[in-house]
C-alpha atoms as a PDB file:
ATOM      1  CA  UNK A   1     -59.297  36.547  28.742  1.00  0.00           C
ATOM      2  CA  UNK A   2     -57.833  34.465  31.574  1.00  0.00           C
ATOM      3  CA  UNK A   3     -60.221  31.575  30.869  1.00  0.00           C
ATOM      4  CA  UNK A   4     -58.858  30.883  27.403  1.00  0.00           C
ATOM      5  CA  UNK A   5     -55.436  29.564  28.555  1.00  0.00           C
ATOM      6  CA  UNK A   6     -57.160  27.421  31.183  1.00  0.00           C
ATOM      7  CA  UNK A   7     -59.518  25.935  28.587  1.00  0.00           C
ATOM      8  CA  UNK A   8     -56.634  25.247  26.222  1.00  0.00           C
ATOM      9  CA  UNK A   9     -54.673  23.559  29.016  1.00  0.00           C
ATOM     10  CA  UNK A  10     -57.672  21.401  29.974  1.00  0.00           C
ATOM     11  CA  UNK A  11     -58.260  20.445  26.356  1.00  0.00           C
ATOM     12  CA  UNK A  12     -54.621  19.481  25.968  1.00  0.00           C
ATOM     13  CA  UNK A  13     -54.674  17.387  29.147  1.00  0.00           C
ATOM     14  CA  UNK A  14     -57.780  15.538  28.051  1.00  0.00           C
ATOM     15  CA  UNK A  15     -55.871  14.247  25.035  1.00  0.00           C
ATOM     16  CA  UNK A  16     -52.861  13.011  27.002  1.00  0.00           C
ATOM     17  CA  UNK A  17     -53.172   9.426  28.200  1.00  0.00           C
ATOM     18  CA  UNK A  18     -52.397   9.181  31.871  1.00  0.00           C
ATOM     19  CA  UNK A  19     -50.394   6.224  33.115  1.00  0.00           C
ATOM     20  CA  UNK A  20     -52.432   3.948  35.345  1.00  0.00           C
ATOM     21  CA  UNK A  21     -55.799   5.397  34.344  1.00  0.00           C
ATOM     22  CA  UNK A  22     -56.755   2.739  31.847  1.00  0.00           C
ATOM     23  CA  UNK A  23     -57.420  -0.610  33.508  1.00  0.00           C
ATOM     24  CA  UNK A  24     -55.060  -3.388  32.484  1.00  0.00           C
ATOM     25  CA  UNK A  25     -56.799  -6.162  30.526  1.00  0.00           C
ATOM     26  CA  UNK A  26     -55.003  -8.803  32.613  1.00  0.00           C
ATOM     27  CA  UNK A  27     -56.239  -7.175  35.818  1.00  0.00           C
ATOM     28  CA  UNK A  28     -59.791  -7.178  34.487  1.00  0.00           C
ATOM     29  CA  UNK A  29     -59.603 -10.861  33.601  1.00  0.00           C
ATOM     30  CA  UNK A  30     -58.152 -11.740  36.994  1.00  0.00           C
ATOM     31  CA  UNK A  31     -60.894  -9.774  38.742  1.00  0.00           C
ATOM     32  CA  UNK A  32     -63.550 -11.512  36.646  1.00  0.00           C
ATOM     33  CA  UNK A  33     -62.086 -14.905  37.549  1.00  0.00           C
ATOM     34  CA  UNK A  34     -62.104 -13.992  41.241  1.00  0.00           C
ATOM     35  CA  UNK A  35     -65.749 -12.902  41.030  1.00  0.00           C
ATOM     36  CA  UNK A  36     -66.715 -16.120  39.238  1.00  0.00           C
ATOM     37  CA  UNK A  37     -64.834 -18.191  41.794  1.00  0.00           C
ATOM     38  CA  UNK A  38     -66.619 -16.394  44.638  1.00  0.00           C
ATOM     39  CA  UNK A  39     -69.999 -17.038  43.006  1.00  0.00           C
ATOM     40  CA  UNK A  40     -69.215 -20.724  42.576  1.00  0.00           C
ATOM     41  CA  UNK A  41     -68.131 -20.973  46.217  1.00  0.00           C
ATOM     42  CA  UNK A  42     -71.251 -19.167  47.481  1.00  0.00           C
ATOM     43  CA  UNK A  43     -73.545 -21.278  45.317  1.00  0.00           C
ATOM     44  CA  UNK A  44     -71.869 -24.482  46.486  1.00  0.00           C
ATOM     45  CA  UNK A  45     -72.162 -23.394  50.132  1.00  0.00           C
ATOM     46  CA  UNK A  46     -75.896 -22.818  49.671  1.00  0.00           C
ATOM     47  CA  UNK A  47     -76.282 -26.204  47.960  1.00  0.00           C
ATOM     48  CA  UNK A  48     -74.404 -27.865  50.831  1.00  0.00           C
ATOM     49  CA  UNK A  49     -76.749 -26.172  53.314  1.00  0.00           C
ATOM     50  CA  UNK A  50     -79.725 -27.383  51.283  1.00  0.00           C
ATOM     51  CA  UNK A  51     -78.336 -30.920  51.280  1.00  0.00           C
ATOM     52  CA  UNK A  52     -77.930 -30.822  55.069  1.00  0.00           C
ATOM     53  CA  UNK A  53     -81.509 -29.611  55.446  1.00  0.00           C
ATOM     54  CA  UNK A  54     -82.799 -32.409  53.216  1.00  0.00           C
ATOM     55  CA  UNK A  55     -81.026 -34.933  55.448  1.00  0.00           C
ATOM     56  CA  UNK A  56     -83.025 -33.647  58.444  1.00  0.00           C
ATOM     57  CA  UNK A  57     -86.196 -33.508  56.309  1.00  0.00           C
ATOM     58  CA  UNK A  58     -86.565 -29.698  56.436  1.00  0.00           C
ATOM     59  CA  UNK A  59     -87.633 -29.486  52.815  1.00  0.00           C
ATOM     60  CA  UNK A  60     -89.072 -25.965  52.977  1.00  0.00           C
ATOM     61  CA  UNK A  61     -85.787 -24.500  54.212  1.00  0.00           C
ATOM     62  CA  UNK A  62     -83.824 -26.677  51.798  1.00  0.00           C
ATOM     63  CA  UNK A  63     -85.859 -25.385  48.861  1.00  0.00           C
ATOM     64  CA  UNK A  64     -85.010 -21.826  49.921  1.00  0.00           C
ATOM     65  CA  UNK A  65     -81.280 -22.610  50.010  1.00  0.00           C
ATOM     66  CA  UNK A  66     -81.381 -24.267  46.592  1.00  0.00           C
ATOM     67  CA  UNK A  67     -83.373 -21.344  45.165  1.00  0.00           C
ATOM     68  CA  UNK A  68     -80.836 -18.915  46.619  1.00  0.00           C
ATOM     69  CA  UNK A  69     -78.028 -20.911  45.011  1.00  0.00           C
ATOM     70  CA  UNK A  70     -79.843 -20.658  41.676  1.00  0.00           C
ATOM     71  CA  UNK A  71     -80.070 -16.885  42.081  1.00  0.00           C
ATOM     72  CA  UNK A  72     -76.367 -16.604  42.932  1.00  0.00           C
ATOM     73  CA  UNK A  73     -75.340 -18.794  39.994  1.00  0.00           C
ATOM     74  CA  UNK A  74     -78.207 -19.209  37.515  1.00  0.00           C
ATOM     75  CA  UNK A  75     -76.270 -21.718  35.386  1.00  0.00           C
ATOM     76  CA  UNK A  76     -75.746 -24.211  38.249  1.00  0.00           C
ATOM     77  CA  UNK A  77     -77.634 -27.388  37.386  1.00  0.00           C
ATOM     78  CA  UNK A  78     -77.078 -28.812  40.878  1.00  0.00           C
ATOM     79  CA  UNK A  79     -79.014 -25.920  42.431  1.00  0.00           C
ATOM     80  CA  UNK A  80     -82.024 -26.614  40.230  1.00  0.00           C
ATOM     81  CA  UNK A  81     -81.802 -30.364  40.786  1.00  0.00           C
ATOM     82  CA  UNK A  82     -81.750 -29.871  44.565  1.00  0.00           C
ATOM     83  CA  UNK A  83     -84.661 -27.464  44.259  1.00  0.00           C
ATOM     84  CA  UNK A  84     -86.573 -30.087  42.302  1.00  0.00           C
ATOM     85  CA  UNK A  85     -85.894 -32.700  44.997  1.00  0.00           C
ATOM     86  CA  UNK A  86     -87.061 -30.424  47.812  1.00  0.00           C
ATOM     87  CA  UNK A  87     -90.155 -29.294  45.917  1.00  0.00           C
ATOM     88  CA  UNK A  88     -91.080 -32.915  45.182  1.00  0.00           C
ATOM     89  CA  UNK A  89     -90.917 -33.706  48.896  1.00  0.00           C
ATOM     90  CA  UNK A  90     -93.182 -30.704  49.538  1.00  0.00           C
ATOM     91  CA  UNK A  91     -95.719 -32.020  47.025  1.00  0.00           C
ATOM     92  CA  UNK A  92     -95.164 -29.102  44.652  1.00  0.00           C
ATOM     93  CA  UNK A  93     -94.895 -31.366  41.631  1.00  0.00           C
ATOM     94  CA  UNK A  94     -95.343 -28.812  38.841  1.00  0.00           C
ATOM     95  CA  UNK A  95     -92.725 -26.496  40.340  1.00  0.00           C
ATOM     96  CA  UNK A  96     -90.441 -29.505  40.811  1.00  0.00           C
ATOM     97  CA  UNK A  97     -90.914 -30.514  37.175  1.00  0.00           C
ATOM     98  CA  UNK A  98     -89.874 -27.032  36.060  1.00  0.00           C
ATOM     99  CA  UNK A  99     -86.792 -27.121  38.303  1.00  0.00           C
ATOM    100  CA  UNK A 100     -85.811 -30.578  37.031  1.00  0.00           C
ATOM    101  CA  UNK A 101     -86.280 -29.439  33.422  1.00  0.00           C
ATOM    102  CA  UNK A 102     -84.005 -26.456  34.042  1.00  0.00           C
ATOM    103  CA  UNK A 103     -81.394 -28.705  35.677  1.00  0.00           C
ATOM    104  CA  UNK A 104     -81.546 -31.069  32.717  1.00  0.00           C
ATOM    105  CA  UNK A 105     -81.191 -28.237  30.187  1.00  0.00           C
ATOM    106  CA  UNK A 106     -78.204 -26.786  32.041  1.00  0.00           C
ATOM    107  CA  UNK A 107     -76.533 -30.179  32.360  1.00  0.00           C
ATOM    108  CA  UNK A 108     -77.131 -30.896  28.669  1.00  0.00           C
ATOM    109  CA  UNK A 109     -75.671 -27.507  27.735  1.00  0.00           C
ATOM    110  CA  UNK A 110     -72.593 -28.210  29.855  1.00  0.00           C
ATOM    111  CA  UNK A 111     -72.125 -31.589  28.160  1.00  0.00           C
ATOM    112  CA  UNK A 112     -72.519 -30.056  24.706  1.00  0.00           C
ATOM    113  CA  UNK A 113     -70.016 -27.284  25.397  1.00  0.00           C
ATOM    114  CA  UNK A 114     -67.546 -29.780  26.877  1.00  0.00           C
ATOM    115  CA  UNK A 115     -67.876 -31.978  23.783  1.00  0.00           C
ATOM    116  CA  UNK A 116     -67.249 -28.975  21.526  1.00  0.00           C
ATOM    117  CA  UNK A 117     -63.850 -28.328  23.131  1.00  0.00           C
END
């Protein structure tokens, strides 16, 4: 018999909204913007490292940095363009062509979305 009042109390509490439990929509948007900003910064840092490696002709390491940037931010055309450059220098022409095509598609998509605004 003692369980019934406890169950009723729990059922009643489950229907009462608790202040601070539901995440604020503004907080969620701010957190999403911070995450996006961090991804952009990390991707750009990897691209910068790749660029530095290209300058010293370390194309294998550069291709790894550009590929990592593309993983961090898959919609970054610069990462794919850099990857295409490094792969070309390594003689991996088919892989380079694919990277360049991806860079072109991403850049075209960015232009189209900018024109739509």
